[in-house]
PDB file of N, CA and C in Angstrom:
ATOM      1  N   MET A   1     -15.328  -3.611  -6.686  1.00  0.00           N
ATOM      2  CA  MET A   1     -14.341  -2.594  -6.149  1.00  0.00           C
ATOM      3  C   MET A   1     -13.562  -1.881  -7.118  1.00  0.00           C
ATOM      4  N   ARG A   2     -13.420  -0.553  -6.974  1.00  0.00           N
ATOM      5  CA  ARG A   2     -12.714   0.230  -7.958  1.00  0.00           C
ATOM      6  C   ARG A   2     -11.251   0.140  -7.766  1.00  0.00           C
ATOM      7  N   LYS A   3     -10.577   0.274  -8.973  1.00  0.00           N
ATOM      8  CA  LYS A   3      -9.121   0.323  -8.865  1.00  0.00           C
ATOM      9  C   LYS A   3      -8.600   1.620  -8.426  1.00  0.00           C
ATOM     10  N   HIS A   4      -7.713   1.744  -7.597  1.00  0.00           N
ATOM     11  CA  HIS A   4      -6.966   3.055  -7.230  1.00  0.00           C
ATOM     12  C   HIS A   4      -6.056   3.401  -8.401  1.00  0.00           C
ATOM     13  N   ARG A   5      -6.106   4.698  -8.574  1.00  0.00           N
ATOM     14  CA  ARG A   5      -5.087   5.297  -9.501  1.00  0.00           C
ATOM     15  C   ARG A   5      -3.689   5.351  -8.767  1.00  0.00           C
ATOM     16  N   ILE A   6      -2.693   5.267  -9.521  1.00  0.00           N
ATOM     17  CA  ILE A   6      -1.333   5.403  -8.873  1.00  0.00           C
ATOM     18  C   ILE A   6      -0.803   6.665  -9.332  1.00  0.00           C
ATOM     19  N   HIS A   7      -0.403   7.466  -8.410  1.00  0.00           N
ATOM     20  CA  HIS A   7       0.366   8.793  -8.810  1.00  0.00           C
ATOM     21  C   HIS A   7       1.729   8.879  -7.968  1.00  0.00           C
ATOM     22  N   TRP A   8       2.716   9.160  -8.798  1.00  0.00           N
ATOM     23  CA  TRP A   8       4.122   9.304  -8.228  1.00  0.00           C
ATOM     24  C   TRP A   8       4.374  10.710  -8.018  1.00  0.00           C
ATOM     25  N   THR A   9       4.820  11.214  -6.961  1.00  0.00           N
ATOM     26  CA  THR A   9       5.388  12.508  -6.601  1.00  0.00           C
ATOM     27  C   THR A   9       6.721  12.666  -7.352  1.00  0.00           C
ATOM     28  N   GLY A  10       6.991  13.918  -7.766  1.00  0.00           N
ATOM     29  CA  GLY A  10       8.283  14.121  -8.374  1.00  0.00           C
ATOM     30  C   GLY A  10       9.487  13.602  -7.575  1.00  0.00           C
ATOM     31  N   ARG A  11       9.469  13.681  -6.337  1.00  0.00           N
ATOM     32  CA  ARG A  11      10.589  13.231  -5.471  1.00  0.00           C
ATOM     33  C   ARG A  11      10.581  11.762  -5.582  1.00  0.00           C
ATOM     34  N   ALA A  12       9.449  11.051  -5.560  1.00  0.00           N
ATOM     35  CA  ALA A  12       9.574   9.506  -5.689  1.00  0.00           C
ATOM     36  C   ALA A  12      10.009   9.109  -7.024  1.00  0.00           C
ATOM     37  N   GLU A  13       9.750   9.806  -8.178  1.00  0.00           N
ATOM     38  CA  GLU A  13      10.136   9.385  -9.421  1.00  0.00           C
ATOM     39  C   GLU A  13      11.666   9.678  -9.504  1.00  0.00           C
ATOM     40  N   ARG A  14      12.174  10.770  -8.893  1.00  0.00           N
ATOM     41  CA  ARG A  14      13.687  10.956  -8.817  1.00  0.00           C
ATOM     42  C   ARG A  14      14.428   9.767  -8.010  1.00  0.00           C
ATOM     43  N   GLU A  15      13.787   9.500  -6.979  1.00  0.00           N
ATOM     44  CA  GLU A  15      14.342   8.405  -6.090  1.00  0.00           C
ATOM     45  C   GLU A  15      14.441   7.108  -6.856  1.00  0.00           C
ATOM     46  N   LEU A  16      13.313   6.740  -7.504  1.00  0.00           N
ATOM     47  CA  LEU A  16      13.113   5.514  -8.343  1.00  0.00           C
ATOM     48  C   LEU A  16      14.166   5.513  -9.414  1.00  0.00           C
ATOM     49  N   GLY A  17      14.401   6.652 -10.103  1.00  0.00           N
ATOM     50  CA  GLY A  17      15.347   6.812 -11.173  1.00  0.00           C
ATOM     51  C   GLY A  17      16.819   6.552 -10.731  1.00  0.00           C
ATOM     52  N   ARG A  18      17.060   6.671  -9.395  1.00  0.00           N
ATOM     53  CA  ARG A  18      18.485   6.480  -8.957  1.00  0.00           C
ATOM     54  C   ARG A  18      18.774   4.994  -8.733  1.00  0.00           C
ATOM     55  N   LEU A  19      17.760   4.105  -8.766  1.00  0.00           N
ATOM     56  CA  LEU A  19      18.068   2.677  -8.476  1.00  0.00           C
ATOM     57  C   LEU A  19      18.510   2.075  -9.865  1.00  0.00           C
ATOM     58  N   ASP A  20      19.072   0.755  -9.672  1.00  0.00           N
ATOM     59  CA  ASP A  20      19.416   0.061 -10.884  1.00  0.00           C
ATOM     60  C   ASP A  20      18.161  -0.362 -11.549  1.00  0.00           C
ATOM     61  N   VAL A  21      18.244  -0.677 -12.852  1.00  0.00           N
ATOM     62  CA  VAL A  21      17.161  -1.012 -13.705  1.00  0.00           C
ATOM     63  C   VAL A  21      16.332  -2.131 -13.122  1.00  0.00           C
ATOM     64  N   ARG A  22      16.960  -3.234 -12.589  1.00  0.00           N
ATOM     65  CA  ARG A  22      16.234  -4.300 -12.030  1.00  0.00           C
ATOM     66  C   ARG A  22      15.361  -3.935 -10.839  1.00  0.00           C
ATOM     67  N   ALA A  23      16.002  -3.173  -9.985  1.00  0.00           N
ATOM     68  CA  ALA A  23      15.265  -2.636  -8.695  1.00  0.00           C
ATOM     69  C   ALA A  23      14.091  -1.826  -9.129  1.00  0.00           C
ATOM     70  N   GLN A  24      14.295  -0.861 -10.137  1.00  0.00           N
ATOM     71  CA  GLN A  24      13.201  -0.124 -10.672  1.00  0.00           C
ATOM     72  C   GLN A  24      12.040  -1.012 -11.079  1.00  0.00           C
ATOM     73  N   GLU A  25      12.417  -1.976 -11.868  1.00  0.00           N
ATOM     74  CA  GLU A  25      11.349  -2.933 -12.389  1.00  0.00           C
ATOM     75  C   GLU A  25      10.510  -3.543 -11.286  1.00  0.00           C
ATOM     76  N   ARG A  26      11.233  -4.006 -10.264  1.00  0.00           N
ATOM     77  CA  ARG A  26      10.566  -4.658  -9.144  1.00  0.00           C
ATOM     78  C   ARG A  26       9.689  -3.711  -8.321  1.00  0.00           C
ATOM     79  N   VAL A  27      10.156  -2.516  -8.203  1.00  0.00           N
ATOM     80  CA  VAL A  27       9.445  -1.580  -7.365  1.00  0.00           C
ATOM     81  C   VAL A  27       8.097  -1.160  -8.181  1.00  0.00           C
ATOM     82  N   ARG A  28       8.332  -0.952  -9.502  1.00  0.00           N
ATOM     83  CA  ARG A  28       7.138  -0.471 -10.345  1.00  0.00           C
ATOM     84  C   ARG A  28       6.149  -1.631 -10.261  1.00  0.00           C
ATOM     85  N   ALA A  29       6.559  -2.853 -10.412  1.00  0.00           N
ATOM     86  CA  ALA A  29       5.578  -4.046 -10.473  1.00  0.00           C
ATOM     87  C   ALA A  29       4.820  -4.125  -9.122  1.00  0.00           C
ATOM     88  N   ALA A  30       5.554  -3.903  -8.068  1.00  0.00           N
ATOM     89  CA  ALA A  30       5.080  -3.900  -6.644  1.00  0.00           C
ATOM     90  C   ALA A  30       4.041  -2.832  -6.573  1.00  0.00           C
ATOM     91  N   VAL A  31       4.370  -1.631  -6.930  1.00  0.00           N
ATOM     92  CA  VAL A  31       3.398  -0.431  -6.843  1.00  0.00           C
ATOM     93  C   VAL A  31       2.114  -0.730  -7.683  1.00  0.00           C
ATOM     94  N   LEU A  32       2.236  -1.435  -8.818  1.00  0.00           N
ATOM     95  CA  LEU A  32       1.008  -1.463  -9.565  1.00  0.00           C
ATOM     96  C   LEU A  32       0.078  -2.459  -8.934  1.00  0.00           C
ATOM     97  N   THR A  33       0.643  -3.375  -8.061  1.00  0.00           N
ATOM     98  CA  THR A  33      -0.306  -4.236  -7.419  1.00  0.00           C
ATOM     99  C   THR A  33      -1.111  -3.514  -6.337  1.00  0.00           C
ATOM    100  N   LEU A  34      -0.765  -2.358  -5.940  1.00  0.00           N
ATOM    101  CA  LEU A  34      -1.524  -1.559  -4.938  1.00  0.00           C
ATOM    102  C   LEU A  34      -2.732  -0.869  -5.587  1.00  0.00           C
ATOM    103  N   ALA A  35      -2.830  -0.851  -6.891  1.00  0.00           N
ATOM    104  CA  ALA A  35      -3.998  -0.439  -7.620  1.00  0.00           C
ATOM    105  C   ALA A  35      -5.255  -1.109  -7.173  1.00  0.00           C
ATOM    106  N   ASP A  36      -5.067  -2.460  -7.194  1.00  0.00           N
ATOM    107  CA  ASP A  36      -6.178  -3.431  -6.910  1.00  0.00           C
ATOM    108  C   ASP A  36      -6.521  -3.451  -5.416  1.00  0.00           C
ATOM    109  N   ASP A  37      -5.558  -3.520  -4.511  1.00  0.00           N
ATOM    110  CA  ASP A  37      -5.736  -3.608  -3.047  1.00  0.00           C
ATOM    111  C   ASP A  37      -4.554  -2.883  -2.308  1.00  0.00           C
ATOM    112  N   PRO A  38      -4.784  -1.627  -2.080  1.00  0.00           N
ATOM    113  CA  PRO A  38      -3.692  -0.872  -1.375  1.00  0.00           C
ATOM    114  C   PRO A  38      -3.390  -1.264  -0.007  1.00  0.00           C
ATOM    115  N   ARG A  39      -4.231  -1.913   0.585  1.00  0.00           N
ATOM    116  CA  ARG A  39      -4.029  -2.497   1.966  1.00  0.00           C
ATOM    117  C   ARG A  39      -3.806  -4.008   1.983  1.00  0.00           C
ATOM    118  N   ARG A  40      -3.173  -4.410   0.933  1.00  0.00           N
ATOM    119  CA  ARG A  40      -2.880  -5.969   0.760  1.00  0.00           C
ATOM    120  C   ARG A  40      -1.773  -6.483   1.774  1.00  0.00           C
ATOM    121  N   PRO A  41      -1.835  -7.780   1.994  1.00  0.00           N
ATOM    122  CA  PRO A  41      -0.883  -8.315   2.919  1.00  0.00           C
ATOM    123  C   PRO A  41       0.647  -7.732   2.527  1.00  0.00           C
ATOM    124  N   GLY A  42       1.291  -7.526   3.528  1.00  0.00           N
ATOM    125  CA  GLY A  42       2.706  -6.990   3.292  1.00  0.00           C
ATOM    126  C   GLY A  42       2.728  -5.363   3.410  1.00  0.00           C
ATOM    127  N   VAL A  43       1.563  -4.634   3.291  1.00  0.00           N
ATOM    128  CA  VAL A  43       1.575  -3.281   3.562  1.00  0.00           C
ATOM    129  C   VAL A  43       1.337  -3.030   5.008  1.00  0.00           C
ATOM    130  N   LYS A  44       2.171  -2.009   5.468  1.00  0.00           N
ATOM    131  CA  LYS A  44       2.062  -1.739   6.852  1.00  0.00           C
ATOM    132  C   LYS A  44       1.725  -0.225   7.047  1.00  0.00           C
ATOM    133  N   LYS A  45       0.863   0.140   7.996  1.00  0.00           N
ATOM    134  CA  LYS A  45       0.631   1.564   8.239  1.00  0.00           C
ATOM    135  C   LYS A  45       1.733   2.100   9.131  1.00  0.00           C
ATOM    136  N   LEU A  46       2.208   3.194   8.808  1.00  0.00           N
ATOM    137  CA  LEU A  46       3.337   3.842   9.619  1.00  0.00           C
ATOM    138  C   LEU A  46       2.680   4.552  10.793  1.00  0.00           C
ATOM    139  N   ALA A  47       3.319   4.176  12.074  1.00  0.00           N
ATOM    140  CA  ALA A  47       2.758   4.699  13.326  1.00  0.00           C
ATOM    141  C   ALA A  47       3.106   6.305  13.358  1.00  0.00           C
ATOM    142  N   GLY A  48       2.137   7.090  13.815  1.00  0.00           N
ATOM    143  CA  GLY A  48       2.399   8.437  13.954  1.00  0.00           C
ATOM    144  C   GLY A  48       2.211   9.248  12.692  1.00  0.00           C
ATOM    145  N   ARG A  49       1.823   8.481  11.608  1.00  0.00           N
ATOM    146  CA  ARG A  49       1.630   9.310  10.366  1.00  0.00           C
ATOM    147  C   ARG A  49       0.252   8.980   9.865  1.00  0.00           C
ATOM    148  N   HIS A  50      -0.604  10.009   9.537  1.00  0.00           N
ATOM    149  CA  HIS A  50      -1.926   9.784   9.341  1.00  0.00           C
ATOM    150  C   HIS A  50      -2.282   8.908   8.059  1.00  0.00           C
ATOM    151  N   LEU A  51      -1.604   9.254   6.889  1.00  0.00           N
ATOM    152  CA  LEU A  51      -1.976   8.535   5.722  1.00  0.00           C
ATOM    153  C   LEU A  51      -1.032   7.650   5.253  1.00  0.00           C
ATOM    154  N   GLU A  52       0.278   7.660   5.773  1.00  0.00           N
ATOM    155  CA  GLU A  52       1.369   7.003   5.237  1.00  0.00           C
ATOM    156  C   GLU A  52       1.376   5.425   5.490  1.00  0.00           C
ATOM    157  N   HIS A  53       1.829   4.701   4.510  1.00  0.00           N
ATOM    158  CA  HIS A  53       1.839   3.288   4.571  1.00  0.00           C
ATOM    159  C   HIS A  53       3.257   2.940   3.947  1.00  0.00           C
ATOM    160  N   ARG A  54       3.770   1.721   4.224  1.00  0.00           N
ATOM    161  CA  ARG A  54       4.903   1.236   3.495  1.00  0.00           C
ATOM    162  C   ARG A  54       4.744  -0.119   2.914  1.00  0.00           C
ATOM    163  N   LEU A  55       5.589  -0.340   1.859  1.00  0.00           N
ATOM    164  CA  LEU A  55       5.571  -1.561   1.271  1.00  0.00           C
ATOM    165  C   LEU A  55       7.029  -1.900   0.982  1.00  0.00           C
ATOM    166  N   ARG A  56       7.435  -3.159   1.569  1.00  0.00           N
ATOM    167  CA  ARG A  56       8.785  -3.689   1.336  1.00  0.00           C
ATOM    168  C   ARG A  56       8.979  -4.247  -0.053  1.00  0.00           C
ATOM    169  N   VAL A  57       9.894  -3.875  -0.701  1.00  0.00           N
ATOM    170  CA  VAL A  57      10.292  -4.415  -2.016  1.00  0.00           C
ATOM    171  C   VAL A  57      11.809  -4.700  -1.978  1.00  0.00           C
ATOM    172  N   GLY A  58      12.153  -5.864  -1.592  1.00  0.00           N
ATOM    173  CA  GLY A  58      13.521  -6.326  -1.350  1.00  0.00           C
ATOM    174  C   GLY A  58      14.136  -5.387  -0.261  1.00  0.00           C
ATOM    175  N   ASP A  59      15.266  -4.641  -0.671  1.00  0.00           N
ATOM    176  CA  ASP A  59      16.056  -3.818   0.234  1.00  0.00           C
ATOM    177  C   ASP A  59      15.460  -2.354   0.278  1.00  0.00           C
ATOM    178  N   HIS A  60      14.392  -2.172  -0.513  1.00  0.00           N
ATOM    179  CA  HIS A  60      13.859  -0.822  -0.644  1.00  0.00           C
ATOM    180  C   HIS A  60      12.462  -0.840   0.055  1.00  0.00           C
ATOM    181  N   ARG A  61      12.082   0.473   0.448  1.00  0.00           N
ATOM    182  CA  ARG A  61      10.719   0.690   1.006  1.00  0.00           C
ATOM    183  C   ARG A  61      10.056   1.692   0.134  1.00  0.00           C
ATOM    184  N   VAL A  62       8.781   1.451  -0.193  1.00  0.00           N
ATOM    185  CA  VAL A  62       7.941   2.378  -0.833  1.00  0.00           C
ATOM    186  C   VAL A  62       7.053   3.028   0.050  1.00  0.00           C
ATOM    187  N   LEU A  63       7.179   4.273   0.232  1.00  0.00           N
ATOM    188  CA  LEU A  63       6.313   4.935   1.238  1.00  0.00           C
ATOM    189  C   LEU A  63       5.174   5.665   0.395  1.00  0.00           C
ATOM    190  N   PHE A  64       3.903   5.458   0.840  1.00  0.00           N
ATOM    191  CA  PHE A  64       2.791   5.911   0.018  1.00  0.00           C
ATOM    192  C   PHE A  64       1.630   6.360   0.930  1.00  0.00           C
ATOM    193  N   GLU A  65       0.770   7.113   0.262  1.00  0.00           N
ATOM    194  CA  GLU A  65      -0.489   7.594   1.019  1.00  0.00           C
ATOM    195  C   GLU A  65      -1.634   6.886   0.346  1.00  0.00           C
ATOM    196  N   ILE A  66      -2.718   6.440   1.009  1.00  0.00           N
ATOM    197  CA  ILE A  66      -3.988   6.055   0.515  1.00  0.00           C
ATOM    198  C   ILE A  66      -5.038   7.099   0.700  1.00  0.00           C
ATOM    199  N   HIS A  67      -5.613   7.508  -0.441  1.00  0.00           N
ATOM    200  CA  HIS A  67      -6.665   8.387  -0.370  1.00  0.00           C
ATOM    201  C   HIS A  67      -7.968   7.829  -0.987  1.00  0.00           C
ATOM    202  N   ASP A  68      -8.656   7.172  -0.069  1.00  0.00           N
ATOM    203  CA  ASP A  68      -9.789   6.443  -0.523  1.00  0.00           C
ATOM    204  C   ASP A  68     -10.858   7.397  -1.168  1.00  0.00           C
ATOM    205  N   ALA A  69     -11.025   8.608  -0.655  1.00  0.00           N
ATOM    206  CA  ALA A  69     -11.961   9.411  -1.112  1.00  0.00           C
ATOM    207  C   ALA A  69     -11.843   9.889  -2.671  1.00  0.00           C
ATOM    208  N   HIS A  70     -10.620   9.759  -3.100  1.00  0.00           N
ATOM    209  CA  HIS A  70     -10.171  10.104  -4.393  1.00  0.00           C
ATOM    210  C   HIS A  70      -9.831   8.867  -5.240  1.00  0.00           C
ATOM    211  N   VAL A  71      -9.910   7.739  -4.577  1.00  0.00           N
ATOM    212  CA  VAL A  71      -9.430   6.375  -5.129  1.00  0.00           C
ATOM    213  C   VAL A  71      -8.023   6.539  -5.774  1.00  0.00           C
ATOM    214  N   LEU A  72      -7.142   6.940  -4.864  1.00  0.00           N
ATOM    215  CA  LEU A  72      -5.777   7.253  -5.300  1.00  0.00           C
ATOM    216  C   LEU A  72      -4.726   6.697  -4.343  1.00  0.00           C
ATOM    217  N   VAL A  73      -3.622   6.172  -4.880  1.00  0.00           N
ATOM    218  CA  VAL A  73      -2.443   5.799  -4.074  1.00  0.00           C
ATOM    219  C   VAL A  73      -1.418   6.845  -4.566  1.00  0.00           C
ATOM    220  N   LEU A  74      -0.947   7.595  -3.629  1.00  0.00           N
ATOM    221  CA  LEU A  74       0.124   8.567  -3.827  1.00  0.00           C
ATOM    222  C   LEU A  74       1.486   8.051  -3.397  1.00  0.00           C
ATOM    223  N   VAL A  75       2.377   7.735  -4.287  1.00  0.00           N
ATOM    224  CA  VAL A  75       3.694   7.246  -3.949  1.00  0.00           C
ATOM    225  C   VAL A  75       4.628   8.524  -3.573  1.00  0.00           C
ATOM    226  N   VAL A  76       5.056   8.630  -2.373  1.00  0.00           N
ATOM    227  CA  VAL A  76       5.825   9.758  -1.957  1.00  0.00           C
ATOM    228  C   VAL A  76       7.282   9.482  -1.849  1.00  0.00           C
ATOM    229  N   ALA A  77       7.809   8.249  -1.624  1.00  0.00           N
ATOM    230  CA  ALA A  77       9.256   8.089  -1.576  1.00  0.00           C
ATOM    231  C   ALA A  77       9.568   6.558  -1.894  1.00  0.00           C
ATOM    232  N   VAL A  78      10.724   6.360  -2.457  1.00  0.00           N
ATOM    233  CA  VAL A  78      11.278   5.117  -2.676  1.00  0.00           C
ATOM    234  C   VAL A  78      12.651   5.140  -2.150  1.00  0.00           C
ATOM    235  N   ARG A  79      12.961   4.405  -1.097  1.00  0.00           N
ATOM    236  CA  ARG A  79      14.296   4.600  -0.385  1.00  0.00           C
ATOM    237  C   ARG A  79      14.878   3.089  -0.083  1.00  0.00           C
ATOM    238  N   LYS A  80      16.102   3.142   0.301  1.00  0.00           N
ATOM    239  CA  LYS A  80      16.808   2.026   0.857  1.00  0.00           C
ATOM    240  C   LYS A  80      16.238   1.857   2.237  1.00  0.00           C
ATOM    241  N   ARG A  81      16.189   0.700   2.675  1.00  0.00           N
ATOM    242  CA  ARG A  81      15.659   0.428   4.053  1.00  0.00           C
ATOM    243  C   ARG A  81      16.096   1.218   5.140  1.00  0.00           C
ATOM    244  N   GLU A  82      17.439   1.438   5.148  1.00  0.00           N
ATOM    245  CA  GLU A  82      18.108   2.116   6.323  1.00  0.00           C
ATOM    246  C   GLU A  82      17.760   3.716   6.242  1.00  0.00           C
ATOM    247  N   ASP A  83      17.362   4.136   5.064  1.00  0.00           N
ATOM    248  CA  ASP A  83      17.120   5.531   4.977  1.00  0.00           C
ATOM    249  C   ASP A  83      15.530   5.910   4.928  1.00  0.00           C
ATOM    250  N   ALA A  84      14.733   4.923   4.934  1.00  0.00           N
ATOM    251  CA  ALA A  84      13.345   5.111   4.562  1.00  0.00           C
ATOM    252  C   ALA A  84      12.605   5.987   5.559  1.00  0.00           C
ATOM    253  N   TYR A  85      12.924   5.953   6.735  1.00  0.00           N
ATOM    254  CA  TYR A  85      12.114   6.706   7.712  1.00  0.00           C
ATOM    255  C   TYR A  85      12.610   7.909   8.378  1.00  0.00           C
ATOM    256  N   GLU A  86      13.677   8.516   7.547  1.00  0.00           N
ATOM    257  CA  GLU A  86      14.231   9.842   8.010  1.00  0.00           C
ATOM    258  C   GLU A  86      13.300  11.051   7.624  1.00  0.00           C
TER     259      GLU A  86
END
């Protein structure tokens, strides 16, 4: 099985940068696990959204797209749980 490449959008990088250092480390570590298996346990497909999935990391949600044809995980947002789906 091929590893997926991880790519962060500019928006996701900015949102990650707003978190405290410890939360940033936890989110980065969790996202790196998606390279091996982007559909691992704990990942949920978002209803009504074609490619988007979410991963819970403490009080934060990582929203990402899985592009199997390009072997790519595109991280589109990192938000607090209450703001994640706006």
